Amino acid sequence: MTAAGMGLERTVAEAWPHFRGWRVNYESIAYELARRADAVPALWTGPRDFPATPIPPRRPADRRPANL
């Protein structure tokens, strides 16, 4: 984000405890929604009801319009 020119209000070390604190409010709901939707096991998601290998995202090499 800083490389894109956005200023940060806190350092990563300062922000991490806040992130963890807020995450407990929605984590169980997010896992339940993923279970009910049978969501693809991504690299950043939690446990699944079935054994599966996480699937990394496929990103195109360059998404800029051709005329740039």
C-alpha atoms as a PDB file:
ATOM      1  CA  MET A   1       0.000   0.000   0.000  1.00  0.00           C
ATOM      2  CA  THR A   2       2.832   2.362   0.731  1.00  0.00           C
ATOM      3  CA  ALA A   3       4.274   1.622  -2.733  1.00  0.00           C
ATOM      4  CA  ALA A   4       0.948   2.805  -4.187  1.00  0.00           C
ATOM      5  CA  GLY A   5       1.226   6.064  -2.259  1.00  0.00           C
ATOM      6  CA  MET A   6      -1.162   5.329   0.608  1.00  0.00           C
ATOM      7  CA  GLY A   7      -0.060   6.388   4.029  1.00  0.00           C
ATOM      8  CA  LEU A   8      -0.348   3.925   6.885  1.00  0.00           C
ATOM      9  CA  GLU A   9      -1.796   4.855  10.253  1.00  0.00           C
ATOM     10  CA  ARG A  10       0.051   2.063  12.083  1.00  0.00           C
ATOM     11  CA  THR A  11       3.012  -0.191  11.532  1.00  0.00           C
ATOM     12  CA  VAL A  12       2.356  -3.870  10.790  1.00  0.00           C
ATOM     13  CA  ALA A  13       3.440  -4.753  14.331  1.00  0.00           C
ATOM     14  CA  GLU A  14       0.961  -2.241  15.784  1.00  0.00           C
ATOM     15  CA  ALA A  15      -1.900  -3.286  13.475  1.00  0.00           C
ATOM     16  CA  TRP A  16      -1.625  -7.066  13.903  1.00  0.00           C
ATOM     17  CA  PRO A  17      -3.186  -7.270  17.417  1.00  0.00           C
ATOM     18  CA  HIS A  18      -6.112  -5.131  16.207  1.00  0.00           C
ATOM     19  CA  PHE A  19      -6.609  -7.356  13.159  1.00  0.00           C
ATOM     20  CA  ARG A  20      -6.625 -10.478  15.315  1.00  0.00           C
ATOM     21  CA  GLY A  21      -9.026  -8.856  17.747  1.00  0.00           C
ATOM     22  CA  TRP A  22     -11.535  -7.962  15.030  1.00  0.00           C
ATOM     23  CA  ARG A  23     -11.104 -11.246  13.190  1.00  0.00           C
ATOM     24  CA  VAL A  24     -12.706 -13.240  16.005  1.00  0.00           C
ATOM     25  CA  ASN A  25     -15.941 -11.345  15.293  1.00  0.00           C
ATOM     26  CA  TYR A  26     -16.345 -12.767  11.790  1.00  0.00           C
ATOM     27  CA  GLU A  27     -14.039 -15.792  11.419  1.00  0.00           C
ATOM     28  CA  SER A  28     -16.529 -18.496  12.434  1.00  0.00           C
ATOM     29  CA  ILE A  29     -19.213 -16.967  10.200  1.00  0.00           C
ATOM     30  CA  ALA A  30     -16.817 -16.835   7.230  1.00  0.00           C
ATOM     31  CA  TYR A  31     -15.868 -20.492   7.722  1.00  0.00           C
ATOM     32  CA  GLU A  32     -19.528 -21.507   7.939  1.00  0.00           C
ATOM     33  CA  LEU A  33     -20.368 -19.611   4.740  1.00  0.00           C
ATOM     34  CA  ALA A  34     -17.419 -21.280   2.975  1.00  0.00           C
ATOM     35  CA  ARG A  35     -18.600 -24.690   4.203  1.00  0.00           C
ATOM     36  CA  ARG A  36     -22.177 -24.139   3.065  1.00  0.00           C
ATOM     37  CA  ALA A  37     -21.081 -22.799  -0.317  1.00  0.00           C
ATOM     38  CA  ASP A  38     -18.524 -25.597  -0.712  1.00  0.00           C
ATOM     39  CA  ALA A  39     -16.001 -22.867  -1.519  1.00  0.00           C
ATOM     40  CA  VAL A  40     -12.743 -23.710  -3.246  1.00  0.00           C
ATOM     41  CA  PRO A  41      -9.975 -24.216  -0.659  1.00  0.00           C
ATOM     42  CA  ALA A  42      -7.756 -21.194  -1.274  1.00  0.00           C
ATOM     43  CA  LEU A  43      -4.314 -20.622   0.239  1.00  0.00           C
ATOM     44  CA  TRP A  44      -5.698 -18.168   2.824  1.00  0.00           C
ATOM     45  CA  THR A  45      -8.782 -20.096   3.934  1.00  0.00           C
ATOM     46  CA  GLY A  46      -9.263 -22.351   6.890  1.00  0.00           C
ATOM     47  CA  PRO A  47     -10.116 -26.029   7.342  1.00  0.00           C
ATOM     48  CA  ARG A  48     -12.635 -27.860   5.180  1.00  0.00           C
ATOM     49  CA  ASP A  49     -15.020 -30.773   5.803  1.00  0.00           C
ATOM     50  CA  PHE A  50     -13.149 -32.805   3.184  1.00  0.00           C
ATOM     51  CA  PRO A  51      -9.440 -33.264   2.438  1.00  0.00           C
ATOM     52  CA  ALA A  52      -8.374 -30.892  -0.329  1.00  0.00           C
ATOM     53  CA  THR A  53      -5.256 -29.210  -1.600  1.00  0.00           C
ATOM     54  CA  PRO A  54      -5.452 -25.398  -1.527  1.00  0.00           C
ATOM     55  CA  ILE A  55      -5.793 -23.848  -4.973  1.00  0.00           C
ATOM     56  CA  PRO A  56      -3.674 -20.741  -5.615  1.00  0.00           C
ATOM     57  CA  PRO A  57      -5.191 -17.891  -7.637  1.00  0.00           C
ATOM     58  CA  ARG A  58      -4.377 -17.615 -11.344  1.00  0.00           C
ATOM     59  CA  ARG A  59      -3.381 -14.082 -12.229  1.00  0.00           C
ATOM     60  CA  PRO A  60      -2.752 -12.826 -15.745  1.00  0.00           C
ATOM     61  CA  ALA A  61       0.766 -11.549 -16.332  1.00  0.00           C
ATOM     62  CA  ASP A  62      -0.406  -8.131 -17.523  1.00  0.00           C
ATOM     63  CA  ARG A  63      -3.933  -6.734 -17.197  1.00  0.00           C
ATOM     64  CA  ARG A  64      -3.322  -3.306 -18.715  1.00  0.00           C
ATOM     65  CA  PRO A  65      -5.231  -2.368 -21.889  1.00  0.00           C
ATOM     66  CA  ALA A  66      -3.237  -2.901 -25.080  1.00  0.00           C
ATOM     67  CA  ASN A  67      -3.306   0.804 -26.062  1.00  0.00           C
ATOM     68  CA  LEU A  68      -1.284   1.973 -23.041  1.00  0.00           C
END
